[in-house]
Amino acid sequence: MHNKPETLGDIIKSARSTAGITMEILADKVGITERYLYRIENEGKKPSFDVLYKLIRELAISPDLIFYPEKPYVDSETEEIVRMLYKCDERSMHVIRATIKAVIESQEL
């Protein structure tokens, strides 16, 4: 079990860091200013529902982490991979499926 971030800003900052995305890029993808994102991450600014929704989707944050902070938090690699899969298009899913099959078959040898 990992130490879970304490605040919404910490959760967003941690997810952004894990994803390797700069504030500038994330702000652009979500449609807000860098200053606004900075205030969310560092000054406790509460985003609107629409902005929060976009941040959760863009960073593949588990909503449970935000809405059920009392729930034990285990962020396994499998859960992270599943969240990333939701962002893939059909072609990417085909490649991923073929890769997984090849890995499994190579383990059976």
C-alpha atoms as a PDB file:
ATOM      1  CA  MET A   1       0.000   0.000   0.000  1.00  0.00           C
ATOM      2  CA  HIS A   2       1.328   3.418  -0.956  1.00  0.00           C
ATOM      3  CA  ASN A   3       1.053   6.578   1.093  1.00  0.00           C
ATOM      4  CA  LYS A   4      -1.947   8.309  -0.334  1.00  0.00           C
ATOM      5  CA  PRO A   5      -1.896  12.021  -1.042  1.00  0.00           C
ATOM      6  CA  GLU A   6      -3.700  14.136   1.547  1.00  0.00           C
ATOM      7  CA  THR A   7      -5.516  16.767  -0.519  1.00  0.00           C
ATOM      8  CA  LEU A   8      -7.116  17.053  -3.938  1.00  0.00           C
ATOM      9  CA  GLY A   9      -4.180  19.189  -5.035  1.00  0.00           C
ATOM     10  CA  ASP A  10      -1.725  16.542  -3.840  1.00  0.00           C
ATOM     11  CA  ILE A  11      -3.659  13.834  -5.706  1.00  0.00           C
ATOM     12  CA  ILE A  12      -3.616  15.810  -8.948  1.00  0.00           C
ATOM     13  CA  LYS A  13       0.035  16.809  -8.598  1.00  0.00           C
ATOM     14  CA  SER A  14       1.061  13.219  -7.855  1.00  0.00           C
ATOM     15  CA  ALA A  15      -0.922  11.842 -10.813  1.00  0.00           C
ATOM     16  CA  ARG A  16       0.509  14.507 -13.118  1.00  0.00           C
ATOM     17  CA  SER A  17       4.030  13.726 -11.966  1.00  0.00           C
ATOM     18  CA  THR A  18       3.484   9.981 -12.395  1.00  0.00           C
ATOM     19  CA  ALA A  19       2.168  10.588 -15.910  1.00  0.00           C
ATOM     20  CA  GLY A  20       5.206  12.724 -16.723  1.00  0.00           C
ATOM     21  CA  ILE A  21       3.044  15.662 -17.835  1.00  0.00           C
ATOM     22  CA  THR A  22       4.030  19.277 -17.245  1.00  0.00           C
ATOM     23  CA  MET A  23       1.610  21.795 -15.775  1.00  0.00           C
ATOM     24  CA  GLU A  24       1.601  23.604 -19.101  1.00  0.00           C
ATOM     25  CA  ILE A  25       0.588  20.522 -21.078  1.00  0.00           C
ATOM     26  CA  LEU A  26      -2.060  19.412 -18.572  1.00  0.00           C
ATOM     27  CA  ALA A  27      -3.573  22.882 -18.332  1.00  0.00           C
ATOM     28  CA  ASP A  28      -3.772  23.042 -22.129  1.00  0.00           C
ATOM     29  CA  LYS A  29      -5.395  19.586 -22.388  1.00  0.00           C
ATOM     30  CA  VAL A  30      -7.971  20.439 -19.725  1.00  0.00           C
ATOM     31  CA  GLY A  31      -8.626  23.944 -21.046  1.00  0.00           C
ATOM     32  CA  ILE A  32      -7.494  25.975 -18.042  1.00  0.00           C
ATOM     33  CA  THR A  33      -4.594  28.300 -17.352  1.00  0.00           C
ATOM     34  CA  GLU A  34      -1.357  27.132 -15.774  1.00  0.00           C
ATOM     35  CA  ARG A  35      -1.996  29.569 -12.934  1.00  0.00           C
ATOM     36  CA  TYR A  36      -5.378  27.976 -12.225  1.00  0.00           C
ATOM     37  CA  LEU A  37      -3.820  24.499 -12.222  1.00  0.00           C
ATOM     38  CA  TYR A  38      -1.063  25.773  -9.922  1.00  0.00           C
ATOM     39  CA  ARG A  39      -3.711  27.100  -7.524  1.00  0.00           C
ATOM     40  CA  ILE A  40      -5.520  23.736  -7.549  1.00  0.00           C
ATOM     41  CA  GLU A  41      -2.327  21.782  -6.894  1.00  0.00           C
ATOM     42  CA  ASN A  42      -0.686  24.111  -4.388  1.00  0.00           C
ATOM     43  CA  GLU A  43      -3.189  26.531  -2.868  1.00  0.00           C
ATOM     44  CA  GLY A  44      -6.228  24.357  -2.209  1.00  0.00           C
ATOM     45  CA  LYS A  45      -8.330  25.885  -4.983  1.00  0.00           C
ATOM     46  CA  LYS A  46     -11.400  23.713  -5.616  1.00  0.00           C
ATOM     47  CA  PRO A  47     -12.051  23.230  -9.343  1.00  0.00           C
ATOM     48  CA  SER A  48     -15.506  23.207 -10.900  1.00  0.00           C
ATOM     49  CA  PHE A  49     -17.061  19.812 -11.547  1.00  0.00           C
ATOM     50  CA  ASP A  50     -16.271  20.107 -15.271  1.00  0.00           C
ATOM     51  CA  VAL A  51     -12.598  20.832 -14.608  1.00  0.00           C
ATOM     52  CA  LEU A  52     -12.362  18.074 -11.989  1.00  0.00           C
ATOM     53  CA  TYR A  53     -13.964  15.631 -14.419  1.00  0.00           C
ATOM     54  CA  LYS A  54     -11.424  16.537 -17.122  1.00  0.00           C
ATOM     55  CA  LEU A  55      -8.499  16.240 -14.688  1.00  0.00           C
ATOM     56  CA  ILE A  56      -9.663  12.811 -13.477  1.00  0.00           C
ATOM     57  CA  ARG A  57     -10.056  11.570 -17.050  1.00  0.00           C
ATOM     58  CA  GLU A  58      -6.832  13.091 -18.386  1.00  0.00           C
ATOM     59  CA  LEU A  59      -4.705  11.771 -15.514  1.00  0.00           C
ATOM     60  CA  ALA A  60      -6.568   8.445 -15.154  1.00  0.00           C
ATOM     61  CA  ILE A  61      -7.139   9.108 -11.455  1.00  0.00           C
ATOM     62  CA  SER A  62      -9.330   6.638  -9.616  1.00  0.00           C
ATOM     63  CA  PRO A  63     -12.385   8.631  -8.484  1.00  0.00           C
ATOM     64  CA  ASP A  64     -12.385   6.581  -5.263  1.00  0.00           C
ATOM     65  CA  LEU A  65      -9.155   8.296  -4.300  1.00  0.00           C
ATOM     66  CA  ILE A  66     -10.968  11.639  -4.341  1.00  0.00           C
ATOM     67  CA  PHE A  67     -14.504  10.770  -3.285  1.00  0.00           C
ATOM     68  CA  TYR A  68     -13.799   7.988  -0.777  1.00  0.00           C
ATOM     69  CA  PRO A  69     -10.551   9.055   0.930  1.00  0.00           C
ATOM     70  CA  GLU A  70     -11.270   6.791   3.923  1.00  0.00           C
ATOM     71  CA  LYS A  71     -11.197   3.720   1.683  1.00  0.00           C
ATOM     72  CA  PRO A  72      -7.888   1.831   1.823  1.00  0.00           C
ATOM     73  CA  TYR A  73      -5.860   2.747  -1.226  1.00  0.00           C
ATOM     74  CA  VAL A  74      -3.756   0.209  -3.082  1.00  0.00           C
ATOM     75  CA  ASP A  75      -2.493   1.354  -6.462  1.00  0.00           C
ATOM     76  CA  SER A  76      -1.213  -1.770  -8.085  1.00  0.00           C
ATOM     77  CA  GLU A  77       0.456  -1.807 -11.467  1.00  0.00           C
ATOM     78  CA  THR A  78      -2.502  -3.772 -12.810  1.00  0.00           C
ATOM     79  CA  GLU A  79      -4.962  -1.045 -11.776  1.00  0.00           C
ATOM     80  CA  GLU A  80      -2.753   1.590 -13.360  1.00  0.00           C
ATOM     81  CA  ILE A  81      -2.616  -0.387 -16.610  1.00  0.00           C
ATOM     82  CA  VAL A  82      -6.404  -0.803 -16.630  1.00  0.00           C
ATOM     83  CA  ARG A  83      -6.882   2.951 -16.197  1.00  0.00           C
ATOM     84  CA  MET A  84      -4.480   3.605 -19.080  1.00  0.00           C
ATOM     85  CA  LEU A  85      -6.376   1.161 -21.302  1.00  0.00           C
ATOM     86  CA  TYR A  86      -9.459   3.361 -21.101  1.00  0.00           C
ATOM     87  CA  LYS A  87      -7.532   6.035 -22.979  1.00  0.00           C
ATOM     88  CA  CYS A  88      -6.604   3.747 -25.890  1.00  0.00           C
ATOM     89  CA  ASP A  89      -8.294   3.757 -29.264  1.00  0.00           C
ATOM     90  CA  GLU A  90      -9.323   0.578 -31.114  1.00  0.00           C
ATOM     91  CA  ARG A  91      -6.040   0.245 -33.021  1.00  0.00           C
ATOM     92  CA  SER A  92      -3.997   0.612 -29.833  1.00  0.00           C
ATOM     93  CA  MET A  93      -6.155  -2.000 -28.101  1.00  0.00           C
ATOM     94  CA  HIS A  94      -5.460  -4.424 -30.960  1.00  0.00           C
ATOM     95  CA  VAL A  95      -1.708  -3.905 -30.529  1.00  0.00           C
ATOM     96  CA  ILE A  96      -1.947  -4.293 -26.747  1.00  0.00           C
ATOM     97  CA  ARG A  97      -4.018  -7.486 -27.055  1.00  0.00           C
ATOM     98  CA  ALA A  98      -1.501  -9.003 -29.487  1.00  0.00           C
ATOM     99  CA  THR A  99       1.400  -8.020 -27.229  1.00  0.00           C
ATOM    100  CA  ILE A 100      -0.197  -9.568 -24.157  1.00  0.00           C
ATOM    101  CA  LYS A 101      -0.922 -12.798 -26.063  1.00  0.00           C
ATOM    102  CA  ALA A 102       2.698 -12.957 -27.236  1.00  0.00           C
ATOM    103  CA  VAL A 103       4.016 -12.402 -23.701  1.00  0.00           C
ATOM    104  CA  ILE A 104       1.764 -15.124 -22.283  1.00  0.00           C
ATOM    105  CA  GLU A 105       2.736 -17.568 -25.025  1.00  0.00           C
ATOM    106  CA  SER A 106       6.455 -16.878 -24.432  1.00  0.00           C
ATOM    107  CA  GLN A 107       6.024 -17.692 -20.735  1.00  0.00           C
ATOM    108  CA  GLU A 108       4.499 -21.053 -21.568  1.00  0.00           C
ATOM    109  CA  LEU A 109       7.581 -22.225 -23.474  1.00  0.00           C
END
